[in-house]
Amino acid sequence: MKLMTHMLAAAGLTLCVAAGAFAQSVSFVEPADGATVSSPFKVKFAVSGMDVKPAGDMAANTGHHHLFINATSIKTGEVIPVDETHLHFGKGQTETEVKLPPGTYKLTMQFANGLHQSYGEAMSKTITVTVK
C-alpha cells in the first residue's frame, strides 16, 4: 500500500509538471494597465510557454508579438492585418517605443506564428493607457 501511495504521488507530480509546461500566455511588462504615460512611451512584451522567433520560423510553440491600437484580438488561425493599428514585430522584438497623441487607448498584444496567423484570444492581452 505504501508503494502504491508513492507511485500515485509521483504520477500526480508528473501530471502537475506536465500541465505547467503547457501553460501559455502573454503579458505586458510595461506599461501597467491603467497607466498614464507621456508620448513616446516604452512597451515591453512577455510570453510564457512559447519561444519568440522571427516571422517565417514555423517551429512548434514559437511566434512573435503584435500590438494593436484600439483593436481587439484576432481569432485563432486568422492572419493579422498590416495597417497603422496592427503593428508587427516580425524580427522577434520584445519591446518597442510607441508615439500616440493625448487620449485614452486600448492596447492589445497578440502572439502569432511565423506566418502571422493568430494564436487567438488565449494568447492576447489587453490593457488601457492614457497618454497625457
Protein backbone atom coordinates (compact mmCIF):
# COMPACT_ATOMS: atom_id res chain seq x y z
CA MET A 1 0.00 0.00 0.00
CA LYS A 2 2.85 2.37 0.82
CA LEU A 3 4.42 1.69 -2.60
CA MET A 4 1.09 2.41 -4.31
CA THR A 5 0.81 5.75 -2.45
CA HIS A 6 4.31 6.75 -3.58
CA MET A 7 3.56 5.75 -7.17
CA LEU A 8 0.34 7.77 -7.21
CA ALA A 9 2.09 10.76 -5.64
CA ALA A 10 4.85 10.55 -8.26
CA ALA A 11 2.30 10.27 -11.06
CA GLY A 12 0.46 13.31 -9.70
CA LEU A 13 3.69 15.28 -9.58
CA THR A 14 4.44 14.28 -13.17
CA LEU A 15 0.98 15.41 -14.27
CA CYS A 16 1.34 18.74 -12.47
CA VAL A 17 4.76 19.36 -14.03
CA ALA A 18 3.47 18.38 -17.48
CA ALA A 19 0.40 20.62 -17.13
CA GLY A 20 2.62 23.54 -16.08
CA ALA A 21 4.82 23.03 -19.12
CA PHE A 22 1.88 23.75 -21.41
CA ALA A 23 0.69 26.94 -19.68
CA GLN A 24 0.96 29.53 -22.45
CA SER A 25 0.23 33.23 -22.02
CA VAL A 26 1.33 36.72 -22.91
CA SER A 27 1.59 39.79 -20.74
CA PHE A 28 2.72 43.39 -20.74
CA VAL A 29 5.86 44.02 -18.70
CA GLU A 30 5.21 47.73 -19.17
CA PRO A 31 3.23 49.89 -19.13
CA ALA A 32 0.87 48.72 -16.42
CA ASP A 33 -2.86 48.51 -17.10
CA GLY A 34 -4.40 51.90 -16.32
CA ALA A 35 -1.06 53.75 -16.53
CA THR A 36 -0.78 57.39 -17.55
CA VAL A 37 2.20 57.82 -19.88
CA SER A 38 3.96 60.52 -21.87
CA SER A 39 4.46 60.01 -25.58
CA PRO A 40 6.58 58.37 -26.76
CA PHE A 41 6.41 55.53 -24.23
CA LYS A 42 8.02 52.12 -23.96
CA VAL A 43 6.01 48.93 -24.38
CA LYS A 44 7.57 45.64 -23.28
CA PHE A 45 6.07 42.24 -24.14
CA ALA A 46 6.43 38.88 -22.36
CA VAL A 47 5.39 35.35 -23.33
CA SER A 48 5.29 32.17 -21.23
CA GLY A 49 5.25 28.60 -22.53
CA MET A 50 6.37 29.58 -26.03
CA ASP A 51 9.51 31.00 -27.62
CA VAL A 52 9.85 34.23 -29.57
CA LYS A 53 11.14 33.65 -33.11
CA PRO A 54 11.20 35.87 -36.20
CA ALA A 55 8.43 35.80 -38.79
CA GLY A 56 8.86 32.88 -41.16
CA ASP A 57 10.01 30.49 -38.43
CA MET A 58 7.31 27.83 -38.09
CA ALA A 59 8.85 25.72 -35.31
CA ALA A 60 6.30 24.36 -32.84
CA ASN A 61 5.44 26.58 -29.86
CA THR A 62 7.04 29.69 -31.36
CA GLY A 63 5.83 33.00 -32.71
CA HIS A 64 6.22 36.75 -32.45
CA HIS A 65 4.40 39.72 -30.97
CA HIS A 66 1.92 42.14 -32.49
CA LEU A 67 0.49 45.28 -30.90
CA PHE A 68 -2.99 46.53 -31.75
CA ILE A 69 -4.03 50.11 -31.08
CA ASN A 70 -7.76 50.29 -30.21
CA ALA A 71 -8.38 46.91 -31.86
CA THR A 72 -9.39 43.56 -30.37
CA SER A 73 -7.71 40.15 -30.54
CA ILE A 74 -7.80 38.18 -33.78
CA LYS A 75 -9.45 34.75 -33.97
CA THR A 76 -7.20 31.68 -33.92
CA GLY A 77 -5.71 30.97 -37.34
CA GLU A 78 -6.63 34.31 -38.92
CA VAL A 79 -3.81 36.36 -40.44
CA ILE A 80 -3.11 39.64 -38.67
CA PRO A 81 -3.61 42.64 -40.99
CA VAL A 82 -0.84 45.07 -41.81
CA ASP A 83 -2.02 48.62 -41.15
CA GLU A 84 -1.50 51.57 -38.79
CA THR A 85 -3.45 49.91 -35.95
CA HIS A 86 -1.84 46.44 -36.20
CA LEU A 87 1.90 46.71 -35.52
CA HIS A 88 4.07 43.69 -36.37
CA PHE A 89 7.29 42.72 -34.59
CA GLY A 90 8.42 40.08 -37.06
CA LYS A 91 12.11 40.36 -36.19
CA GLY A 92 11.32 38.87 -32.79
CA GLN A 93 11.36 42.15 -30.87
CA THR A 94 10.12 42.09 -27.29
CA GLU A 95 9.85 45.85 -26.79
CA THR A 96 9.13 49.00 -28.75
CA GLU A 97 8.53 52.71 -28.37
CA VAL A 98 5.03 53.93 -29.20
CA LYS A 99 4.14 57.50 -30.12
CA LEU A 100 0.46 58.45 -29.74
CA PRO A 101 -1.36 61.78 -29.35
CA PRO A 102 -3.02 62.55 -25.99
CA GLY A 103 -6.02 60.35 -25.22
CA THR A 104 -7.07 57.00 -23.80
CA TYR A 105 -6.10 53.89 -25.74
CA LYS A 106 -6.75 50.19 -25.61
CA LEU A 107 -3.53 48.27 -26.37
CA THR A 108 -3.86 44.60 -27.29
CA MET A 109 -0.85 42.34 -27.58
CA GLN A 110 -1.40 39.34 -29.88
CA PHE A 111 1.03 36.45 -30.29
CA ALA A 112 1.05 34.74 -33.68
CA ASN A 113 3.00 32.09 -35.56
CA GLY A 114 5.66 32.67 -38.22
CA LEU A 115 3.01 33.27 -40.88
CA HIS A 116 1.29 35.95 -38.75
CA GLN A 117 -1.60 33.58 -38.01
CA SER A 118 -3.07 34.47 -34.63
CA TYR A 119 -2.93 32.08 -31.68
CA GLY A 120 -6.27 33.61 -30.66
CA GLU A 121 -7.67 35.24 -27.58
CA ALA A 122 -5.81 32.87 -25.23
CA MET A 123 -2.53 34.37 -26.47
CA SER A 124 -3.60 38.00 -26.28
CA LYS A 125 -3.71 40.57 -23.51
CA THR A 126 -5.42 43.98 -23.46
CA ILE A 127 -4.59 46.96 -21.27
CA THR A 128 -5.74 50.59 -21.22
CA VAL A 129 -3.34 53.53 -21.10
CA THR A 130 -3.86 57.26 -21.03
CA VAL A 131 -1.39 59.42 -22.97
CA LYS A 132 -1.07 62.86 -21.44
